[in-house]
């Protein structure tokens, strides 16, 4: 849009300055009066059609019209700005505005917007699919930014290329600099909210995924903890059994030592009894032998 405005200014600098009164007369006159006035000393319009009524000389009226080369340059500039419009429409708009480039551009923008509105209204009554590129542009623009400045979420672009295309179309549809600023601010506001919404959705999705992953890890840790608890309980039971076996072994060792002590005592007693028995046998023996038939 800035390039278009710069182009306008360069064209204005190249054009010769014309009286502002003649511009007002030509812009306010009807299409039938848009043809060049005859070179005469009479007034260019009657007092009944213009307020206040003034008479202008023929030299002033003739100087208000541009040369054919300048008109062709203006038409070429308009054709570059509006490539989809017919050349006759551009020439007629330039003639109606008295070779004023700014007024002609404004008039052509209003004409194009009005055509798009009519096409969009007719298409909305018959079908939901646009019948032309301009109607599609208007519907897409209304789907993103409404007339009240509110945001519509029906036809939001999906990627960066669509946003760039929408921004360029909005700038091409602007009638002046203020309209371009308003459209740009609305599109940027919608883009910002779309980015925030998408970032929030992605953050929520990543949060849910991380939460699900953490839940799986917690479940795996719970299972591992249960297995470890079971292993610890088994090990504890084995340790307790080993301790019981050790205590039983110690008790048996003590009994064995006691039995060995008793065995040694019994052996000593047995030996003492054997010695006493031998001594008793030796002391009680009768010397000599008698025949048993004596008695």
C-alpha atoms as a PDB file:
ATOM      1  CA  UNK A   1       0.000   0.000   0.000  1.00  0.00           C
ATOM      2  CA  UNK A   2       2.920   2.336   0.745  1.00  0.00           C
ATOM      3  CA  UNK A   3       4.269   1.650  -2.760  1.00  0.00           C
ATOM      4  CA  UNK A   4       0.894   2.677  -4.246  1.00  0.00           C
ATOM      5  CA  UNK A   5       0.847   5.889  -2.204  1.00  0.00           C
ATOM      6  CA  UNK A   6       4.393   6.703  -3.286  1.00  0.00           C
ATOM      7  CA  UNK A   7       3.335   6.067  -6.876  1.00  0.00           C
ATOM      8  CA  UNK A   8       0.447   8.468  -6.441  1.00  0.00           C
ATOM      9  CA  UNK A   9       2.742  11.165  -5.104  1.00  0.00           C
ATOM     10  CA  UNK A  10       5.210  10.743  -7.953  1.00  0.00           C
ATOM     11  CA  UNK A  11       2.392  11.068 -10.497  1.00  0.00           C
ATOM     12  CA  UNK A  12       1.119  14.203  -8.757  1.00  0.00           C
ATOM     13  CA  UNK A  13       4.563  15.748  -8.840  1.00  0.00           C
ATOM     14  CA  UNK A  14       4.856  15.103 -12.594  1.00  0.00           C
ATOM     15  CA  UNK A  15       1.404  16.509 -13.410  1.00  0.00           C
ATOM     16  CA  UNK A  16       0.971  20.251 -13.966  1.00  0.00           C
ATOM     17  CA  UNK A  17      -1.008  22.066 -11.328  1.00  0.00           C
ATOM     18  CA  UNK A  18      -4.569  22.914 -12.329  1.00  0.00           C
ATOM     19  CA  UNK A  19      -6.950  25.378 -10.715  1.00  0.00           C
ATOM     20  CA  UNK A  20      -8.879  23.858  -7.804  1.00  0.00           C
ATOM     21  CA  UNK A  21     -12.066  25.597  -8.938  1.00  0.00           C
ATOM     22  CA  UNK A  22     -12.044  23.831 -12.290  1.00  0.00           C
ATOM     23  CA  UNK A  23     -11.513  20.483 -10.490  1.00  0.00           C
ATOM     24  CA  UNK A  24     -14.543  21.089  -8.311  1.00  0.00           C
ATOM     25  CA  UNK A  25     -16.598  22.034 -11.336  1.00  0.00           C
ATOM     26  CA  UNK A  26     -15.590  18.916 -13.293  1.00  0.00           C
ATOM     27  CA  UNK A  27     -16.062  16.515 -10.333  1.00  0.00           C
ATOM     28  CA  UNK A  28     -19.456  17.943  -9.466  1.00  0.00           C
ATOM     29  CA  UNK A  29     -20.712  17.990 -13.051  1.00  0.00           C
ATOM     30  CA  UNK A  30     -22.736  15.172 -14.621  1.00  0.00           C
ATOM     31  CA  UNK A  31     -21.251  12.624 -17.042  1.00  0.00           C
ATOM     32  CA  UNK A  32     -22.737  14.535 -19.959  1.00  0.00           C
ATOM     33  CA  UNK A  33     -20.780  17.591 -18.925  1.00  0.00           C
ATOM     34  CA  UNK A  34     -17.504  15.699 -18.647  1.00  0.00           C
ATOM     35  CA  UNK A  35     -16.590  16.380 -22.303  1.00  0.00           C
ATOM     36  CA  UNK A  36     -14.230  19.290 -22.942  1.00  0.00           C
ATOM     37  CA  UNK A  37     -16.044  22.665 -23.043  1.00  0.00           C
ATOM     38  CA  UNK A  38     -16.069  24.537 -26.314  1.00  0.00           C
ATOM     39  CA  UNK A  39     -13.480  27.267 -26.574  1.00  0.00           C
ATOM     40  CA  UNK A  40     -15.680  30.296 -26.157  1.00  0.00           C
ATOM     41  CA  UNK A  41     -15.801  33.308 -23.902  1.00  0.00           C
ATOM     42  CA  UNK A  42     -19.152  32.280 -22.438  1.00  0.00           C
ATOM     43  CA  UNK A  43     -19.438  30.691 -18.995  1.00  0.00           C
ATOM     44  CA  UNK A  44     -18.825  26.912 -18.693  1.00  0.00           C
ATOM     45  CA  UNK A  45     -21.998  26.267 -16.701  1.00  0.00           C
ATOM     46  CA  UNK A  46     -25.228  27.974 -15.906  1.00  0.00           C
ATOM     47  CA  UNK A  47     -25.815  29.553 -12.461  1.00  0.00           C
ATOM     48  CA  UNK A  48     -28.630  27.089 -11.826  1.00  0.00           C
ATOM     49  CA  UNK A  49     -26.252  24.061 -11.830  1.00  0.00           C
ATOM     50  CA  UNK A  50     -23.336  25.448  -9.808  1.00  0.00           C
ATOM     51  CA  UNK A  51     -23.183  27.319  -6.535  1.00  0.00           C
ATOM     52  CA  UNK A  52     -21.947  30.007  -6.525  1.00  0.00           C
ATOM     53  CA  UNK A  53     -22.384  30.792 -10.241  1.00  0.00           C
ATOM     54  CA  UNK A  54     -19.210  32.000 -11.847  1.00  0.00           C
ATOM     55  CA  UNK A  55     -18.076  32.518 -15.377  1.00  0.00           C
ATOM     56  CA  UNK A  56     -14.669  31.358 -16.488  1.00  0.00           C
ATOM     57  CA  UNK A  57     -12.760  32.288 -19.564  1.00  0.00           C
ATOM     58  CA  UNK A  58     -12.046  29.805 -22.270  1.00  0.00           C
ATOM     59  CA  UNK A  59      -8.324  29.804 -21.545  1.00  0.00           C
ATOM     60  CA  UNK A  60      -8.890  28.726 -17.922  1.00  0.00           C
ATOM     61  CA  UNK A  61     -11.243  25.916 -18.990  1.00  0.00           C
ATOM     62  CA  UNK A  62      -8.879  24.657 -21.627  1.00  0.00           C
ATOM     63  CA  UNK A  63      -5.893  24.649 -19.288  1.00  0.00           C
ATOM     64  CA  UNK A  64      -7.722  22.359 -16.851  1.00  0.00           C
ATOM     65  CA  UNK A  65      -7.498  19.345 -19.172  1.00  0.00           C
ATOM     66  CA  UNK A  66      -4.363  17.280 -19.409  1.00  0.00           C
ATOM     67  CA  UNK A  67      -2.557  16.487 -22.616  1.00  0.00           C
ATOM     68  CA  UNK A  68      -3.083  13.101 -24.334  1.00  0.00           C
ATOM     69  CA  UNK A  69       0.339  11.864 -23.181  1.00  0.00           C
ATOM     70  CA  UNK A  70      -0.461  12.686 -19.561  1.00  0.00           C
ATOM     71  CA  UNK A  71      -3.885  11.043 -19.854  1.00  0.00           C
ATOM     72  CA  UNK A  72      -2.291   7.891 -21.253  1.00  0.00           C
ATOM     73  CA  UNK A  73       0.190   7.892 -18.377  1.00  0.00           C
ATOM     74  CA  UNK A  74      -2.640   8.217 -15.873  1.00  0.00           C
ATOM     75  CA  UNK A  75      -4.594   5.421 -17.563  1.00  0.00           C
ATOM     76  CA  UNK A  76      -1.501   3.178 -17.552  1.00  0.00           C
ATOM     77  CA  UNK A  77      -1.046   3.880 -13.851  1.00  0.00           C
ATOM     78  CA  UNK A  78      -4.695   3.023 -13.167  1.00  0.00           C
ATOM     79  CA  UNK A  79      -4.409  -0.116 -15.283  1.00  0.00           C
ATOM     80  CA  UNK A  80      -1.427  -1.199 -13.164  1.00  0.00           C
ATOM     81  CA  UNK A  81      -3.426  -0.609  -9.967  1.00  0.00           C
ATOM     82  CA  UNK A  82      -6.630  -2.237 -11.270  1.00  0.00           C
ATOM     83  CA  UNK A  83      -5.578  -4.965 -13.728  1.00  0.00           C
ATOM     84  CA  UNK A  84      -8.957  -6.715 -13.477  1.00  0.00           C
ATOM     85  CA  UNK A  85     -10.949  -3.716 -14.773  1.00  0.00           C
ATOM     86  CA  UNK A  86     -11.699  -2.768 -18.351  1.00  0.00           C
ATOM     87  CA  UNK A  87      -9.774   0.075 -19.954  1.00  0.00           C
ATOM     88  CA  UNK A  88     -12.962   1.904 -20.921  1.00  0.00           C
ATOM     89  CA  UNK A  89     -14.079   1.871 -17.289  1.00  0.00           C
ATOM     90  CA  UNK A  90     -10.735   3.368 -16.263  1.00  0.00           C
ATOM     91  CA  UNK A  91     -10.945   6.077 -18.947  1.00  0.00           C
ATOM     92  CA  UNK A  92     -14.522   6.946 -18.017  1.00  0.00           C
ATOM     93  CA  UNK A  93     -13.646   7.170 -14.304  1.00  0.00           C
ATOM     94  CA  UNK A  94     -10.646   9.388 -15.081  1.00  0.00           C
ATOM     95  CA  UNK A  95     -12.770  11.673 -17.270  1.00  0.00           C
ATOM     96  CA  UNK A  96     -15.526  11.929 -14.660  1.00  0.00           C
ATOM     97  CA  UNK A  97     -12.988  12.991 -12.033  1.00  0.00           C
ATOM     98  CA  UNK A  98     -11.354  15.508 -14.349  1.00  0.00           C
ATOM     99  CA  UNK A  99      -7.990  13.725 -14.699  1.00  0.00           C
ATOM    100  CA  UNK A 100      -7.611  13.719 -10.895  1.00  0.00           C
ATOM    101  CA  UNK A 101      -5.707  10.512 -10.112  1.00  0.00           C
ATOM    102  CA  UNK A 102      -6.575  10.407  -6.401  1.00  0.00           C
ATOM    103  CA  UNK A 103     -10.294  10.880  -7.043  1.00  0.00           C
ATOM    104  CA  UNK A 104     -10.237   8.310  -9.840  1.00  0.00           C
ATOM    105  CA  UNK A 105      -8.539   5.713  -7.604  1.00  0.00           C
ATOM    106  CA  UNK A 106     -11.059   6.369  -4.824  1.00  0.00           C
ATOM    107  CA  UNK A 107     -13.949   6.081  -7.278  1.00  0.00           C
ATOM    108  CA  UNK A 108     -12.615   2.826  -8.747  1.00  0.00           C
ATOM    109  CA  UNK A 109     -12.105   1.360  -5.262  1.00  0.00           C
ATOM    110  CA  UNK A 110     -15.692   2.206  -4.349  1.00  0.00           C
ATOM    111  CA  UNK A 111     -16.869   0.731  -7.645  1.00  0.00           C
ATOM    112  CA  UNK A 112     -14.950  -2.493  -7.068  1.00  0.00           C
ATOM    113  CA  UNK A 113     -16.117  -2.826  -3.464  1.00  0.00           C
ATOM    114  CA  UNK A 114     -19.707  -2.215  -4.532  1.00  0.00           C
ATOM    115  CA  UNK A 115     -19.404  -4.859  -7.252  1.00  0.00           C
ATOM    116  CA  UNK A 116     -17.974  -7.350  -4.785  1.00  0.00           C
ATOM    117  CA  UNK A 117     -20.761  -6.620  -2.286  1.00  0.00           C
ATOM    118  CA  UNK A 118     -23.433  -7.169  -4.942  1.00  0.00           C
ATOM    119  CA  UNK A 119     -21.808 -10.411  -6.079  1.00  0.00           C
ATOM    120  CA  UNK A 120     -21.456 -11.617  -2.507  1.00  0.00           C
ATOM    121  CA  UNK A 121     -25.126 -10.842  -1.814  1.00  0.00           C
ATOM    122  CA  UNK A 122     -26.329 -12.668  -4.930  1.00  0.00           C
ATOM    123  CA  UNK A 123     -24.111 -15.666  -4.224  1.00  0.00           C
ATOM    124  CA  UNK A 124     -25.275 -15.824  -0.590  1.00  0.00           C
ATOM    125  CA  UNK A 125     -28.898 -16.075  -1.773  1.00  0.00           C
ATOM    126  CA  UNK A 126     -28.250 -18.990  -4.155  1.00  0.00           C
ATOM    127  CA  UNK A 127     -25.161 -20.902  -3.024  1.00  0.00           C
ATOM    128  CA  UNK A 128     -22.449 -20.833  -0.379  1.00  0.00           C
ATOM    129  CA  UNK A 129     -19.654 -21.137  -2.978  1.00  0.00           C
ATOM    130  CA  UNK A 130     -18.408 -17.789  -4.423  1.00  0.00           C
ATOM    131  CA  UNK A 131     -18.747 -17.342  -8.174  1.00  0.00           C
ATOM    132  CA  UNK A 132     -15.760 -15.022  -8.627  1.00  0.00           C
ATOM    133  CA  UNK A 133     -12.402 -14.259  -7.074  1.00  0.00           C
ATOM    134  CA  UNK A 134     -13.591 -10.897  -5.732  1.00  0.00           C
ATOM    135  CA  UNK A 135     -16.582 -12.457  -3.952  1.00  0.00           C
ATOM    136  CA  UNK A 136     -14.287 -15.082  -2.461  1.00  0.00           C
ATOM    137  CA  UNK A 137     -11.957 -12.343  -1.236  1.00  0.00           C
ATOM    138  CA  UNK A 138     -14.832 -10.393   0.322  1.00  0.00           C
ATOM    139  CA  UNK A 139     -16.272 -13.451   2.064  1.00  0.00           C
ATOM    140  CA  UNK A 140     -12.853 -14.492   3.348  1.00  0.00           C
ATOM    141  CA  UNK A 141     -12.178 -10.995   4.658  1.00  0.00           C
ATOM    142  CA  UNK A 142     -15.548 -10.889   6.396  1.00  0.00           C
ATOM    143  CA  UNK A 143     -14.851 -14.318   7.889  1.00  0.00           C
ATOM    144  CA  UNK A 144     -11.657 -13.077   9.508  1.00  0.00           C
ATOM    145  CA  UNK A 145     -12.445  -9.450  10.360  1.00  0.00           C
ATOM    146  CA  UNK A 146     -16.046  -8.236  10.527  1.00  0.00           C
ATOM    147  CA  UNK A 147     -17.266  -4.710   9.950  1.00  0.00           C
ATOM    148  CA  UNK A 148     -17.489  -4.053  13.691  1.00  0.00           C
ATOM    149  CA  UNK A 149     -13.881  -5.062  14.235  1.00  0.00           C
ATOM    150  CA  UNK A 150     -14.857  -8.322  15.905  1.00  0.00           C
ATOM    151  CA  UNK A 151     -13.033 -11.535  15.211  1.00  0.00           C
ATOM    152  CA  UNK A 152     -14.672 -14.365  13.302  1.00  0.00           C
ATOM    153  CA  UNK A 153     -13.234 -17.860  13.652  1.00  0.00           C
ATOM    154  CA  UNK A 154     -15.017 -19.370  10.647  1.00  0.00           C
ATOM    155  CA  UNK A 155     -12.419 -18.971   7.889  1.00  0.00           C
ATOM    156  CA  UNK A 156      -9.108 -18.410   9.653  1.00  0.00           C
ATOM    157  CA  UNK A 157      -6.032 -19.143   7.495  1.00  0.00           C
ATOM    158  CA  UNK A 158      -4.117 -22.296   8.283  1.00  0.00           C
ATOM    159  CA  UNK A 159      -0.522 -21.386   7.433  1.00  0.00           C
ATOM    160  CA  UNK A 160       1.729 -18.413   6.848  1.00  0.00           C
ATOM    161  CA  UNK A 161       1.144 -18.241   3.095  1.00  0.00           C
ATOM    162  CA  UNK A 162      -2.613 -17.856   3.612  1.00  0.00           C
ATOM    163  CA  UNK A 163      -2.026 -15.079   6.144  1.00  0.00           C
ATOM    164  CA  UNK A 164       0.275 -13.249   3.727  1.00  0.00           C
ATOM    165  CA  UNK A 165      -2.274 -13.587   0.920  1.00  0.00           C
ATOM    166  CA  UNK A 166      -5.039 -12.303   3.180  1.00  0.00           C
ATOM    167  CA  UNK A 167      -2.929  -9.353   4.301  1.00  0.00           C
ATOM    168  CA  UNK A 168      -2.057  -8.430   0.702  1.00  0.00           C
ATOM    169  CA  UNK A 169      -5.707  -8.639  -0.359  1.00  0.00           C
ATOM    170  CA  UNK A 170      -6.793  -6.472   2.542  1.00  0.00           C
ATOM    171  CA  UNK A 171      -4.199  -3.863   1.597  1.00  0.00           C
ATOM    172  CA  UNK A 172      -5.295  -3.944  -2.056  1.00  0.00           C
ATOM    173  CA  UNK A 173      -8.910  -3.490  -1.005  1.00  0.00           C
ATOM    174  CA  UNK A 174      -8.126  -0.398   1.072  1.00  0.00           C
ATOM    175  CA  UNK A 175      -9.437   2.884  -0.320  1.00  0.00           C
ATOM    176  CA  UNK A 176      -7.001   5.183   1.487  1.00  0.00           C
ATOM    177  CA  UNK A 177      -4.221   5.184   4.056  1.00  0.00           C
ATOM    178  CA  UNK A 178      -6.556   5.262   7.078  1.00  0.00           C
ATOM    179  CA  UNK A 179      -8.543   2.322   5.731  1.00  0.00           C
ATOM    180  CA  UNK A 180      -5.288   0.426   5.127  1.00  0.00           C
ATOM    181  CA  UNK A 181      -4.124   1.076   8.702  1.00  0.00           C
ATOM    182  CA  UNK A 182      -7.482  -0.085  10.085  1.00  0.00           C
ATOM    183  CA  UNK A 183      -7.452  -3.257   7.984  1.00  0.00           C
ATOM    184  CA  UNK A 184      -3.829  -3.986   8.904  1.00  0.00           C
ATOM    185  CA  UNK A 185      -4.497  -3.523  12.631  1.00  0.00           C
ATOM    186  CA  UNK A 186      -7.521  -5.833  12.457  1.00  0.00           C
ATOM    187  CA  UNK A 187      -5.660  -8.541  10.558  1.00  0.00           C
ATOM    188  CA  UNK A 188      -2.701  -8.312  12.943  1.00  0.00           C
ATOM    189  CA  UNK A 189      -5.051  -8.531  15.926  1.00  0.00           C
ATOM    190  CA  UNK A 190      -6.660 -11.649  14.479  1.00  0.00           C
ATOM    191  CA  UNK A 191      -3.205 -13.111  13.745  1.00  0.00           C
ATOM    192  CA  UNK A 192      -2.045 -12.427  17.307  1.00  0.00           C
ATOM    193  CA  UNK A 193      -5.128 -14.047  18.819  1.00  0.00           C
ATOM    194  CA  UNK A 194      -4.801 -17.006  16.455  1.00  0.00           C
ATOM    195  CA  UNK A 195      -1.146 -17.483  17.454  1.00  0.00           C
ATOM    196  CA  UNK A 196      -2.052 -17.249  21.153  1.00  0.00           C
ATOM    197  CA  UNK A 197      -4.894 -19.744  20.729  1.00  0.00           C
ATOM    198  CA  UNK A 198      -2.696 -22.160  18.791  1.00  0.00           C
ATOM    199  CA  UNK A 199       0.115 -21.803  21.335  1.00  0.00           C
ATOM    200  CA  UNK A 200      -2.348 -22.433  24.167  1.00  0.00           C
ATOM    201  CA  UNK A 201      -3.718 -25.495  22.376  1.00  0.00           C
ATOM    202  CA  UNK A 202      -0.217 -26.845  21.739  1.00  0.00           C
ATOM    203  CA  UNK A 203       0.774 -26.160  25.359  1.00  0.00           C
ATOM    204  CA  UNK A 204      -2.345 -27.937  26.619  1.00  0.00           C
ATOM    205  CA  UNK A 205      -1.691 -30.876  24.298  1.00  0.00           C
ATOM    206  CA  UNK A 206       1.944 -31.132  25.382  1.00  0.00           C
ATOM    207  CA  UNK A 207       0.836 -30.868  29.014  1.00  0.00           C
ATOM    208  CA  UNK A 208      -1.638 -33.719  28.527  1.00  0.00           C
ATOM    209  CA  UNK A 209       1.010 -35.814  26.779  1.00  0.00           C
ATOM    210  CA  UNK A 210       3.527 -35.143  29.543  1.00  0.00           C
ATOM    211  CA  UNK A 211       0.880 -35.922  32.153  1.00  0.00           C
ATOM    212  CA  UNK A 212       0.053 -39.221  30.440  1.00  0.00           C
ATOM    213  CA  UNK A 213       3.759 -40.090  30.213  1.00  0.00           C
ATOM    214  CA  UNK A 214       4.228 -39.282  33.902  1.00  0.00           C
ATOM    215  CA  UNK A 215       1.220 -41.441  34.765  1.00  0.00           C
ATOM    216  CA  UNK A 216       2.759 -44.344  32.852  1.00  0.00           C
ATOM    217  CA  UNK A 217       6.066 -43.819  34.662  1.00  0.00           C
ATOM    218  CA  UNK A 218       4.275 -43.707  38.031  1.00  0.00           C
ATOM    219  CA  UNK A 219       2.426 -46.933  37.220  1.00  0.00           C
ATOM    220  CA  UNK A 220       5.705 -48.598  36.222  1.00  0.00           C
ATOM    221  CA  UNK A 221       7.329 -47.382  39.443  1.00  0.00           C
ATOM    222  CA  UNK A 222       4.388 -48.701  41.468  1.00  0.00           C
ATOM    223  CA  UNK A 223       4.781 -52.114  39.846  1.00  0.00           C
ATOM    224  CA  UNK A 224       8.527 -52.100  40.484  1.00  0.00           C
ATOM    225  CA  UNK A 225       7.900 -51.043  44.085  1.00  0.00           C
ATOM    226  CA  UNK A 226       5.477 -53.940  44.572  1.00  0.00           C
ATOM    227  CA  UNK A 227       8.046 -56.359  43.145  1.00  0.00           C
ATOM    228  CA  UNK A 228      10.736 -54.944  45.423  1.00  0.00           C
ATOM    229  CA  UNK A 229       8.445 -55.204  48.441  1.00  0.00           C
ATOM    230  CA  UNK A 230       7.766 -58.845  47.644  1.00  0.00           C
ATOM    231  CA  UNK A 231      11.477 -59.540  47.201  1.00  0.00           C
ATOM    232  CA  UNK A 232      12.263 -57.818  50.510  1.00  0.00           C
ATOM    233  CA  UNK A 233       9.586 -59.822  52.323  1.00  0.00           C
ATOM    234  CA  UNK A 234      10.953 -63.071  50.866  1.00  0.00           C
ATOM    235  CA  UNK A 235      14.469 -62.088  51.845  1.00  0.00           C
ATOM    236  CA  UNK A 236      13.273 -61.205  55.339  1.00  0.00           C
ATOM    237  CA  UNK A 237      11.613 -64.595  55.714  1.00  0.00           C
ATOM    238  CA  UNK A 238      14.776 -66.335  54.559  1.00  0.00           C
ATOM    239  CA  UNK A 239      16.861 -64.279  56.962  1.00  0.00           C
ATOM    240  CA  UNK A 240      14.534 -65.124  59.820  1.00  0.00           C
ATOM    241  CA  UNK A 241      14.686 -68.817  58.928  1.00  0.00           C
ATOM    242  CA  UNK A 242      18.466 -68.651  58.774  1.00  0.00           C
ATOM    243  CA  UNK A 243      18.594 -67.027  62.210  1.00  0.00           C
ATOM    244  CA  UNK A 244      16.288 -69.715  63.622  1.00  0.00           C
ATOM    245  CA  UNK A 245      18.500 -72.409  62.146  1.00  0.00           C
ATOM    246  CA  UNK A 246      21.558 -70.756  63.669  1.00  0.00           C
ATOM    247  CA  UNK A 247      19.932 -70.622  67.074  1.00  0.00           C
ATOM    248  CA  UNK A 248      18.955 -74.285  66.788  1.00  0.00           C
ATOM    249  CA  UNK A 249      22.511 -75.166  65.815  1.00  0.00           C
ATOM    250  CA  UNK A 250      23.889 -73.340  68.847  1.00  0.00           C
ATOM    251  CA  UNK A 251      21.460 -75.160  71.110  1.00  0.00           C
ATOM    252  CA  UNK A 252      22.447 -78.519  69.639  1.00  0.00           C
ATOM    253  CA  UNK A 253      26.124 -77.684  70.076  1.00  0.00           C
ATOM    254  CA  UNK A 254      25.526 -76.918  73.727  1.00  0.00           C
ATOM    255  CA  UNK A 255      23.667 -80.213  74.184  1.00  0.00           C
ATOM    256  CA  UNK A 256      26.503 -82.038  72.458  1.00  0.00           C
ATOM    257  CA  UNK A 257      29.059 -80.554  74.796  1.00  0.00           C
ATOM    258  CA  UNK A 258      26.922 -81.499  77.784  1.00  0.00           C
ATOM    259  CA  UNK A 259      26.537 -85.057  76.510  1.00  0.00           C
ATOM    260  CA  UNK A 260      30.266 -85.319  75.939  1.00  0.00           C
ATOM    261  CA  UNK A 261      30.927 -84.131  79.483  1.00  0.00           C
ATOM    262  CA  UNK A 262      28.470 -86.674  80.850  1.00  0.00           C
ATOM    263  CA  UNK A 263      30.092 -89.377  78.734  1.00  0.00           C
ATOM    264  CA  UNK A 264      33.519 -88.591  80.130  1.00  0.00           C
ATOM    265  CA  UNK A 265      32.116 -88.631  83.682  1.00  0.00           C
ATOM    266  CA  UNK A 266      30.475 -91.985  83.075  1.00  0.00           C
ATOM    267  CA  UNK A 267      33.687 -93.409  81.646  1.00  0.00           C
ATOM    268  CA  UNK A 268      35.617 -92.269  84.722  1.00  0.00           C
ATOM    269  CA  UNK A 269      33.006 -93.785  87.019  1.00  0.00           C
ATOM    270  CA  UNK A 270      33.030 -97.021  85.056  1.00  0.00           C
ATOM    271  CA  UNK A 271      36.814 -97.229  85.318  1.00  0.00           C
ATOM    272  CA  UNK A 272      36.684 -96.607  89.064  1.00  0.00           C
ATOM    273  CA  UNK A 273      34.039 -99.293  89.517  1.00  0.00           C
ATOM    274  CA  UNK A 274      36.123-101.734  87.515  1.00  0.00           C
ATOM    275  CA  UNK A 275      39.152-101.107  89.726  1.00  0.00           C
ATOM    276  CA  UNK A 276      37.100-101.520  92.894  1.00  0.00           C
ATOM    277  CA  UNK A 277      35.646-104.747  91.562  1.00  0.00           C
ATOM    278  CA  UNK A 278      39.065-106.179  90.882  1.00  0.00           C
ATOM    279  CA  UNK A 279      40.284-105.188  94.318  1.00  0.00           C
ATOM    280  CA  UNK A 280      37.257-106.781  95.964  1.00  0.00           C
ATOM    281  CA  UNK A 281      37.709-109.993  94.079  1.00  0.00           C
ATOM    282  CA  UNK A 282      41.295-110.192  95.075  1.00  0.00           C
ATOM    283  CA  UNK A 283      40.638-109.608  98.809  1.00  0.00           C
ATOM    284  CA  UNK A 284      37.747-112.076  99.148  1.00  0.00           C
ATOM    285  CA  UNK A 285      39.469-115.106  97.608  1.00  0.00           C
ATOM    286  CA  UNK A 286      39.686-118.345 100.034  1.00  0.00           C
ATOM    287  CA  UNK A 287      43.104-119.962 100.126  1.00  0.00           C
ATOM    288  CA  UNK A 288      43.172-123.647  99.327  1.00  0.00           C
ATOM    289  CA  UNK A 289      40.487-125.848  98.033  1.00  0.00           C
ATOM    290  CA  UNK A 290      38.192-128.283  99.692  1.00  0.00           C
ATOM    291  CA  UNK A 291      36.566-131.279  98.142  1.00  0.00           C
ATOM    292  CA  UNK A 292      32.910-130.599  97.772  1.00  0.00           C
ATOM    293  CA  UNK A 293      31.955-134.089  98.994  1.00  0.00           C
ATOM    294  CA  UNK A 294      33.234-133.312 102.510  1.00  0.00           C
ATOM    295  CA  UNK A 295      30.141-131.544 103.440  1.00  0.00           C
END
